[in-house]
Amino acid sequence: MVPLAIDAMGGDNAPQVVIEGVCDALERFSGIDKLLLVGDRPQIETALQNCRADHRSRIEIEHTDQIVAMDEPPAAAIRSKPKSSIALAVEAVKQGRAGGVISAGHTGAAVASTVLKLRTLPGIERPGIATVFPSPSGCFLLLDAGANVDCKPRHLTQYAVMGEIYAREILNIKKPRIGLINVGDEAGKGNDLSKAAYEEISKLADLNFIGNIEGSALFRGTCDVVVCDGFVGNVILKSCESLAGAFGHFLKKLLVKNPVRQMGAFLC
């Protein structure tokens, strides 16, 4: 089996957190034959000290001391650091030494590197970031969540097609409902991009396109795939992350207000 390539240096707390995730995956999934960790060998080996010996035997390390920092411009970083951990991890996929790449690091660098080295699928012009959100009916897929902030209507149409395939094949949704995020659910609403995308997506007879949906409908279980440009999608993603954090803070504050509530929280 071809291994997955892991950008071991990607993320704010790499490589320690990345290695913890790798060891957890090897513990849970016995079917993983090999993982290729790309990054600084000494740091990786130090982080692997708490990993079981039989798990370490399923890990291969490819050394590099070049790392793309989170604050670096993506295109410039890829050009100036051709041996960075993310670049070499993607290169392993290109060479057939890995079947896929995982990175928790610089999103822009990951997108730029994969597009430059692997290109996009035939008929797809721009990459999209797909994010799975929970909903009362199970989950829904949002794309694009930040890869392409300046979209044309055909890009949103391509996201609708890719999202439908992902929802059907990965999320096991038989006939995914596709919705286009907008300021209203009526046809003809929105800016020029939304109107043109609505017309294009509507022409795809094979898609179960339910039309426009408003932000208030996202978590009602009415849609399986939500399509938007990367600017809107990233705002939705970050807003939801912030709201979840704030909700947790408010809940904790209420639960520790007095001993009775503390006991109730403990029982829960």
Foldseek 3Di string as FASTA:
>chain_A
DQAAEELCQADDDGNLVVLVVLLVCVVVDVPHQAYEYEEAVVRSVVSCPPRDPVSVVRYHYDYDHQADAQPDDQVVSCVVCCRHSLLVSLVCCLVVNHVYYDHNHHPQNNLVNNCVRVNDDPPADFDAPWDWAQAPVGIAIEIRQARFQDDALSNLLVLQVVRQCCCCPPVVDPAFEEEEEFQDQDQPGHDPRLNSNQVVNVVPPSHNYPGYDYPVCRRHPPGRYYTDHNVVNNVVVVVVVVVVVVVVVVVVCVQVVDPVSVVVVVVD
